PDB file of N, CA and C in Angstrom:
ATOM      1  N   MET A   1     129.539  98.477  80.544  1.00  0.00           N
ATOM      2  CA  MET A   1     129.870  97.697  81.711  1.00  0.00           C
ATOM      3  C   MET A   1     128.729  96.716  81.955  1.00  0.00           C
ATOM      4  N   LYS A   2     129.066  95.503  82.208  1.00  0.00           N
ATOM      5  CA  LYS A   2     128.073  94.493  82.562  1.00  0.00           C
ATOM      6  C   LYS A   2     128.251  94.139  84.022  1.00  0.00           C
ATOM      7  N   LYS A   3     127.136  94.058  84.734  1.00  0.00           N
ATOM      8  CA  LYS A   3     127.147  93.711  86.153  1.00  0.00           C
ATOM      9  C   LYS A   3     126.024  92.718  86.422  1.00  0.00           C
ATOM     10  N   THR A   4     126.247  91.870  87.385  1.00  0.00           N
ATOM     11  CA  THR A   4     125.197  90.986  87.874  1.00  0.00           C
ATOM     12  C   THR A   4     124.645  91.620  89.139  1.00  0.00           C
ATOM     13  N   VAL A   5     123.325  91.734  89.194  1.00  0.00           N
ATOM     14  CA  VAL A   5     122.682  92.408  90.319  1.00  0.00           C
ATOM     15  C   VAL A   5     121.658  91.465  90.936  1.00  0.00           C
ATOM     16  N   TYR A   6     121.652  91.384  92.255  1.00  0.00           N
ATOM     17  CA  TYR A   6     120.667  90.577  92.975  1.00  0.00           C
ATOM     18  C   TYR A   6     119.446  91.443  93.276  1.00  0.00           C
ATOM     19  N   LEU A   7     118.260  90.926  92.962  1.00  0.00           N
ATOM     20  CA  LEU A   7     117.008  91.582  93.333  1.00  0.00           C
ATOM     21  C   LEU A   7     116.218  90.627  94.213  1.00  0.00           C
ATOM     22  N   PRO A   8     115.761  91.085  95.361  1.00  0.00           N
ATOM     23  CA  PRO A   8     114.884  90.238  96.184  1.00  0.00           C
ATOM     24  C   PRO A   8     113.633  89.877  95.379  1.00  0.00           C
ATOM     25  N   ASP A   9     113.022  88.783  95.708  1.00  0.00           N
ATOM     26  CA  ASP A   9     111.865  88.298  94.946  1.00  0.00           C
ATOM     27  C   ASP A   9     110.761  89.339  94.802  1.00  0.00           C
ATOM     28  N   ASP A  10     110.435  90.043  95.896  1.00  0.00           N
ATOM     29  CA  ASP A  10     109.350  91.025  95.815  1.00  0.00           C
ATOM     30  C   ASP A  10     109.697  92.166  94.861  1.00  0.00           C
ATOM     31  N   LEU A  11     110.939  92.608  94.862  1.00  0.00           N
ATOM     32  CA  LEU A  11     111.347  93.678  93.951  1.00  0.00           C
ATOM     33  C   LEU A  11     111.391  93.177  92.514  1.00  0.00           C
ATOM     34  N   ALA A  12     111.858  91.967  92.313  1.00  0.00           N
ATOM     35  CA  ALA A  12     111.897  91.381  90.970  1.00  0.00           C
ATOM     36  C   ALA A  12     110.488  91.259  90.392  1.00  0.00           C
ATOM     37  N   GLU A  13     109.532  90.900  91.217  1.00  0.00           N
ATOM     38  CA  GLU A  13     108.135  90.810  90.765  1.00  0.00           C
ATOM     39  C   GLU A  13     107.606  92.183  90.376  1.00  0.00           C
ATOM     40  N   ARG A  14     107.934  93.191  91.163  1.00  0.00           N
ATOM     41  CA  ARG A  14     107.492  94.554  90.848  1.00  0.00           C
ATOM     42  C   ARG A  14     108.119  95.037  89.549  1.00  0.00           C
ATOM     43  N   VAL A  15     109.384  94.710  89.343  1.00  0.00           N
ATOM     44  CA  VAL A  15     110.070  95.092  88.100  1.00  0.00           C
ATOM     45  C   VAL A  15     109.404  94.408  86.913  1.00  0.00           C
ATOM     46  N   GLN A  16     109.143  93.115  87.026  1.00  0.00           N
ATOM     47  CA  GLN A  16     108.497  92.391  85.940  1.00  0.00           C
ATOM     48  C   GLN A  16     107.119  92.974  85.627  1.00  0.00           C
ATOM     49  N   ALA A  17     106.353  93.301  86.649  1.00  0.00           N
ATOM     50  CA  ALA A  17     105.030  93.890  86.441  1.00  0.00           C
ATOM     51  C   ALA A  17     105.148  95.244  85.745  1.00  0.00           C
ATOM     52  N   TYR A  18     106.127  96.034  86.163  1.00  0.00           N
ATOM     53  CA  TYR A  18     106.338  97.348  85.549  1.00  0.00           C
ATOM     54  C   TYR A  18     106.704  97.197  84.079  1.00  0.00           C
ATOM     55  N   LEU A  19     107.583  96.263  83.770  1.00  0.00           N
ATOM     56  CA  LEU A  19     107.998  96.058  82.383  1.00  0.00           C
ATOM     57  C   LEU A  19     106.849  95.537  81.522  1.00  0.00           C
ATOM     58  N   LYS A  20     105.936  94.761  82.110  1.00  0.00           N
ATOM     59  CA  LYS A  20     104.751  94.309  81.364  1.00  0.00           C
ATOM     60  C   LYS A  20     103.851  95.488  81.028  1.00  0.00           C
ATOM     61  N   GLN A  21     103.784  96.462  81.931  1.00  0.00           N
ATOM     62  CA  GLN A  21     102.960  97.646  81.695  1.00  0.00           C
ATOM     63  C   GLN A  21     103.616  98.622  80.722  1.00  0.00           C
ATOM     64  N   HIS A  22     104.909  98.477  80.507  1.00  0.00           N
ATOM     65  CA  HIS A  22     105.676  99.347  79.607  1.00  0.00           C
ATOM     66  C   HIS A  22     106.438  98.466  78.614  1.00  0.00           C
ATOM     67  N   PRO A  23     105.716  97.877  77.638  1.00  0.00           N
ATOM     68  CA  PRO A  23     106.316  96.873  76.763  1.00  0.00           C
ATOM     69  C   PRO A  23     107.481  97.377  75.907  1.00  0.00           C
ATOM     70  N   GLY A  24     107.610  98.654  75.675  1.00  0.00           N
ATOM     71  CA  GLY A  24     108.720  99.172  74.877  1.00  0.00           C
ATOM     72  C   GLY A  24     109.988  99.390  75.682  1.00  0.00           C
ATOM     73  N   LEU A  25     109.944  99.109  76.970  1.00  0.00           N
ATOM     74  CA  LEU A  25     111.060  99.369  77.869  1.00  0.00           C
ATOM     75  C   LEU A  25     111.739  98.060  78.260  1.00  0.00           C
ATOM     76  N   THR A  26     113.060  98.040  78.175  1.00  0.00           N
ATOM     77  CA  THR A  26     113.806  96.857  78.597  1.00  0.00           C
ATOM     78  C   THR A  26     114.289  97.035  80.028  1.00  0.00           C
ATOM     79  N   LEU A  27     114.691  95.947  80.631  1.00  0.00           N
ATOM     80  CA  LEU A  27     115.243  96.012  81.988  1.00  0.00           C
ATOM     81  C   LEU A  27     116.478  96.908  82.005  1.00  0.00           C
ATOM     82  N   SER A  28     117.326  96.771  81.008  1.00  0.00           N
ATOM     83  CA  SER A  28     118.537  97.592  80.934  1.00  0.00           C
ATOM     84  C   SER A  28     118.189  99.081  80.874  1.00  0.00           C
ATOM     85  N   GLU A  29     117.196  99.440  80.055  1.00  0.00           N
ATOM     86  CA  GLU A  29     116.790 100.845  79.951  1.00  0.00           C
ATOM     87  C   GLU A  29     116.211 101.351  81.271  1.00  0.00           C
ATOM     88  N   LEU A  30     115.408 100.524  81.918  1.00  0.00           N
ATOM     89  CA  LEU A  30     114.819 100.910  83.203  1.00  0.00           C
ATOM     90  C   LEU A  30     115.902 101.171  84.243  1.00  0.00           C
ATOM     91  N   VAL A  31     116.876 100.285  84.317  1.00  0.00           N
ATOM     92  CA  VAL A  31     117.962 100.450  85.284  1.00  0.00           C
ATOM     93  C   VAL A  31     118.765 101.706  84.954  1.00  0.00           C
ATOM     94  N   GLN A  32     119.081 101.915  83.679  1.00  0.00           N
ATOM     95  CA  GLN A  32     119.855 103.098  83.288  1.00  0.00           C
ATOM     96  C   GLN A  32     119.108 104.387  83.627  1.00  0.00           C
ATOM     97  N   GLN A  33     117.815 104.440  83.301  1.00  0.00           N
ATOM     98  CA  GLN A  33     117.014 105.634  83.606  1.00  0.00           C
ATOM     99  C   GLN A  33     116.963 105.885  85.109  1.00  0.00           C
ATOM    100  N   SER A  34     116.765 104.825  85.872  1.00  0.00           N
ATOM    101  CA  SER A  34     116.677 104.953  87.326  1.00  0.00           C
ATOM    102  C   SER A  34     117.985 105.452  87.920  1.00  0.00           C
ATOM    103  N   LEU A  35     119.098 104.897  87.437  1.00  0.00           N
ATOM    104  CA  LEU A  35     120.401 105.323  87.947  1.00  0.00           C
ATOM    105  C   LEU A  35     120.712 106.762  87.558  1.00  0.00           C
ATOM    106  N   LYS A  36     120.390 107.141  86.339  1.00  0.00           N
ATOM    107  CA  LYS A  36     120.629 108.534  85.911  1.00  0.00           C
ATOM    108  C   LYS A  36     119.859 109.505  86.789  1.00  0.00           C
ATOM    109  N   GLN A  37     118.596 109.156  87.053  1.00  0.00           N
ATOM    110  CA  GLN A  37     117.766 110.028  87.889  1.00  0.00           C
ATOM    111  C   GLN A  37     118.330 110.112  89.306  1.00  0.00           C
ATOM    112  N   ARG A  38     118.713 108.995  89.845  1.00  0.00           N
ATOM    113  CA  ARG A  38     119.219 108.944  91.228  1.00  0.00           C
ATOM    114  C   ARG A  38     120.570 109.632  91.377  1.00  0.00           C
ATOM    115  N   LEU A  39     121.418 109.534  90.354  1.00  0.00           N
ATOM    116  CA  LEU A  39     122.779 110.063  90.443  1.00  0.00           C
ATOM    117  C   LEU A  39     122.929 111.482  89.914  1.00  0.00           C
ATOM    118  N   SER A  40     121.882 112.031  89.313  1.00  0.00           N
ATOM    119  CA  SER A  40     121.948 113.398  88.789  1.00  0.00           C
ATOM    120  C   SER A  40     121.800 114.399  89.923  1.00  0.00           C
ATOM    121  N   PRO A  41     122.484 115.554  89.785  1.00  0.00           N
ATOM    122  CA  PRO A  41     122.287 116.585  90.809  1.00  0.00           C
ATOM    123  C   PRO A  41     120.840 117.076  90.768  1.00  0.00           C
ATOM    124  N   ALA A  42     120.331 117.446  91.903  1.00  0.00           N
ATOM    125  CA  ALA A  42     118.953 117.929  91.990  1.00  0.00           C
ATOM    126  C   ALA A  42     118.784 119.219  91.197  1.00  0.00           C
ATOM    127  N   ASP A  43     117.654 119.331  90.513  1.00  0.00           N
ATOM    128  CA  ASP A  43     117.336 120.533  89.751  1.00  0.00           C
ATOM    129  C   ASP A  43     116.470 121.431  90.640  1.00  0.00           C
ATOM    130  N   PRO A  44     117.001 122.537  91.136  1.00  0.00           N
ATOM    131  CA  PRO A  44     116.218 123.387  92.040  1.00  0.00           C
ATOM    132  C   PRO A  44     114.999 124.001  91.366  1.00  0.00           C
ATOM    133  N   ARG A  45     114.989 124.069  90.034  1.00  0.00           N
ATOM    134  CA  ARG A  45     113.837 124.658  89.349  1.00  0.00           C
ATOM    135  C   ARG A  45     112.578 123.832  89.569  1.00  0.00           C
ATOM    136  N   ALA A  46     112.728 122.519  89.701  1.00  0.00           N
ATOM    137  CA  ALA A  46     111.562 121.660  89.880  1.00  0.00           C
ATOM    138  C   ALA A  46     110.836 121.989  91.182  1.00  0.00           C
ATOM    139  N   ILE A  47     111.551 122.148  92.261  1.00  0.00           N
ATOM    140  CA  ILE A  47     110.904 122.468  93.540  1.00  0.00           C
ATOM    141  C   ILE A  47     110.339 123.883  93.528  1.00  0.00           C
ATOM    142  N   LEU A  48     110.993 124.795  92.818  1.00  0.00           N
ATOM    143  CA  LEU A  48     110.463 126.155  92.721  1.00  0.00           C
ATOM    144  C   LEU A  48     109.145 126.157  91.948  1.00  0.00           C
ATOM    145  N   ARG A  49     109.061 125.363  90.878  1.00  0.00           N
ATOM    146  CA  ARG A  49     107.795 125.268  90.130  1.00  0.00           C
ATOM    147  C   ARG A  49     106.719 124.655  91.015  1.00  0.00           C
ATOM    148  N   LEU A  50     107.082 123.627  91.770  1.00  0.00           N
ATOM    149  CA  LEU A  50     106.127 122.985  92.660  1.00  0.00           C
ATOM    150  C   LEU A  50     105.606 123.967  93.704  1.00  0.00           C
ATOM    151  N   ALA A  51     106.490 124.822  94.203  1.00  0.00           N
ATOM    152  CA  ALA A  51     106.112 125.797  95.226  1.00  0.00           C
ATOM    153  C   ALA A  51     105.360 126.981  94.631  1.00  0.00           C
ATOM    154  N   GLY A  52     105.330 127.072  93.304  1.00  0.00           N
ATOM    155  CA  GLY A  52     104.625 128.180  92.665  1.00  0.00           C
ATOM    156  C   GLY A  52     105.468 129.433  92.531  1.00  0.00           C
ATOM    157  N   LEU A  53     106.774 129.308  92.733  1.00  0.00           N
ATOM    158  CA  LEU A  53     107.656 130.456  92.600  1.00  0.00           C
ATOM    159  C   LEU A  53     108.037 130.628  91.138  1.00  0.00           C
ATOM    160  N   VAL A  54     108.114 131.859  90.715  1.00  0.00           N
ATOM    161  CA  VAL A  54     108.454 132.149  89.328  1.00  0.00           C
ATOM    162  C   VAL A  54     109.685 133.044  89.294  1.00  0.00           C
ATOM    163  N   PRO A  55     110.492 132.955  88.225  1.00  0.00           N
ATOM    164  CA  PRO A  55     111.706 133.770  88.159  1.00  0.00           C
ATOM    165  C   PRO A  55     111.429 135.268  88.033  1.00  0.00           C
ATOM    166  N   ARG A  56     110.353 135.632  87.333  1.00  0.00           N
ATOM    167  CA  ARG A  56     110.022 137.055  87.166  1.00  0.00           C
ATOM    168  C   ARG A  56     108.549 137.276  87.475  1.00  0.00           C
ATOM    169  N   ALA A  57     108.255 137.831  88.588  1.00  0.00           N
ATOM    170  CA  ALA A  57     106.869 138.095  88.965  1.00  0.00           C
ATOM    171  C   ALA A  57     106.411 139.424  88.371  1.00  0.00           C
ATOM    172  N   THR A  58     105.121 139.522  88.081  1.00  0.00           N
ATOM    173  CA  THR A  58     104.583 140.758  87.505  1.00  0.00           C
ATOM    174  C   THR A  58     104.216 141.780  88.570  1.00  0.00           C
ATOM    175  N   THR A  59     104.151 141.339  89.823  1.00  0.00           N
ATOM    176  CA  THR A  59     103.836 142.263  90.916  1.00  0.00           C
ATOM    177  C   THR A  59     104.727 141.940  92.108  1.00  0.00           C
ATOM    178  N   GLN A  60     104.737 142.815  93.075  1.00  0.00           N
ATOM    179  CA  GLN A  60     105.480 142.597  94.306  1.00  0.00           C
ATOM    180  C   GLN A  60     104.608 141.816  95.293  1.00  0.00           C
ATOM    181  N   ALA A  61     105.221 141.172  96.240  1.00  0.00           N
ATOM    182  CA  ALA A  61     104.485 140.365  97.208  1.00  0.00           C
ATOM    183  C   ALA A  61     103.475 141.196  97.992  1.00  0.00           C
ATOM    184  N   GLY A  62     103.797 142.424  98.278  1.00  0.00           N
ATOM    185  CA  GLY A  62     102.902 143.278  99.060  1.00  0.00           C
ATOM    186  C   GLY A  62     101.740 143.849  98.271  1.00  0.00           C
ATOM    187  N   ASP A  63     101.684 143.592  96.964  1.00  0.00           N
ATOM    188  CA  ASP A  63     100.621 144.147  96.116  1.00  0.00           C
ATOM    189  C   ASP A  63      99.372 143.282  96.079  1.00  0.00           C
ATOM    190  N   ARG A  64      99.319 142.280  96.963  1.00  0.00           N
ATOM    191  CA  ARG A  64      98.177 141.368  97.033  1.00  0.00           C
ATOM    192  C   ARG A  64      97.872 140.746  95.667  1.00  0.00           C
ATOM    193  N   ALA A  65      98.909 140.158  95.076  1.00  0.00           N
ATOM    194  CA  ALA A  65      98.787 139.552  93.747  1.00  0.00           C
ATOM    195  C   ALA A  65      97.706 138.477  93.709  1.00  0.00           C
ATOM    196  N   GLU A  66      97.454 137.829  94.834  1.00  0.00           N
ATOM    197  CA  GLU A  66      96.431 136.786  94.849  1.00  0.00           C
ATOM    198  C   GLU A  66      95.043 137.335  94.540  1.00  0.00           C
ATOM    199  N   ASP A  67      94.849 138.621  94.753  1.00  0.00           N
ATOM    200  CA  ASP A  67      93.557 139.253  94.460  1.00  0.00           C
ATOM    201  C   ASP A  67      93.428 139.656  92.993  1.00  0.00           C
ATOM    202  N   ARG A  68      94.471 139.503  92.230  1.00  0.00           N
ATOM    203  CA  ARG A  68      94.453 139.927  90.825  1.00  0.00           C
ATOM    204  C   ARG A  68      94.227 138.751  89.880  1.00  0.00           C
ATOM    205  N   HIS A  69      93.805 137.613  90.383  1.00  0.00           N
ATOM    206  CA  HIS A  69      93.596 136.422  89.549  1.00  0.00           C
ATOM    207  C   HIS A  69      92.575 136.736  88.486  1.00  0.00           C
ATOM    208  N   VAL A  70      92.897 136.445  87.239  1.00  0.00           N
ATOM    209  CA  VAL A  70      92.002 136.708  86.118  1.00  0.00           C
ATOM    210  C   VAL A  70      90.767 135.821  86.234  1.00  0.00           C
ATOM    211  N   GLY A  71      89.611 136.426  86.040  1.00  0.00           N
ATOM    212  CA  GLY A  71      88.356 135.686  86.085  1.00  0.00           C
ATOM    213  C   GLY A  71      87.807 135.503  87.483  1.00  0.00           C
ATOM    214  N   ARG A  72      88.436 136.032  88.468  1.00  0.00           N
ATOM    215  CA  ARG A  72      87.977 135.891  89.856  1.00  0.00           C
ATOM    216  C   ARG A  72      86.839 136.884  90.109  1.00  0.00           C
ATOM    217  N   ALA A  73      85.783 136.432  90.703  1.00  0.00           N
ATOM    218  CA  ALA A  73      84.642 137.306  91.028  1.00  0.00           C
ATOM    219  C   ALA A  73      85.031 138.246  92.156  1.00  0.00           C
ATOM    220  N   ARG A  74      84.587 139.464  92.056  1.00  0.00           N
ATOM    221  CA  ARG A  74      84.881 140.459  93.092  1.00  0.00           C
ATOM    222  C   ARG A  74      83.626 140.791  93.859  1.00  0.00           C
TER     223      ARG A  74
END
């Protein structure tokens, strides 16, 4: 599909600067990547990793796991 898209001058300048910094990337690829990211369903695993949550913990929350850090001075 081909579409004509209007970009305000400030955004067009930012796009041009970004493409200069990423010479292997075309405008079409940038737009496609951006749209895929924006239109994809959110991956809940990403926020869980950010929060430090893991699918299988080696200890229970009440076991003071924070005190079991390897290499921590006692």
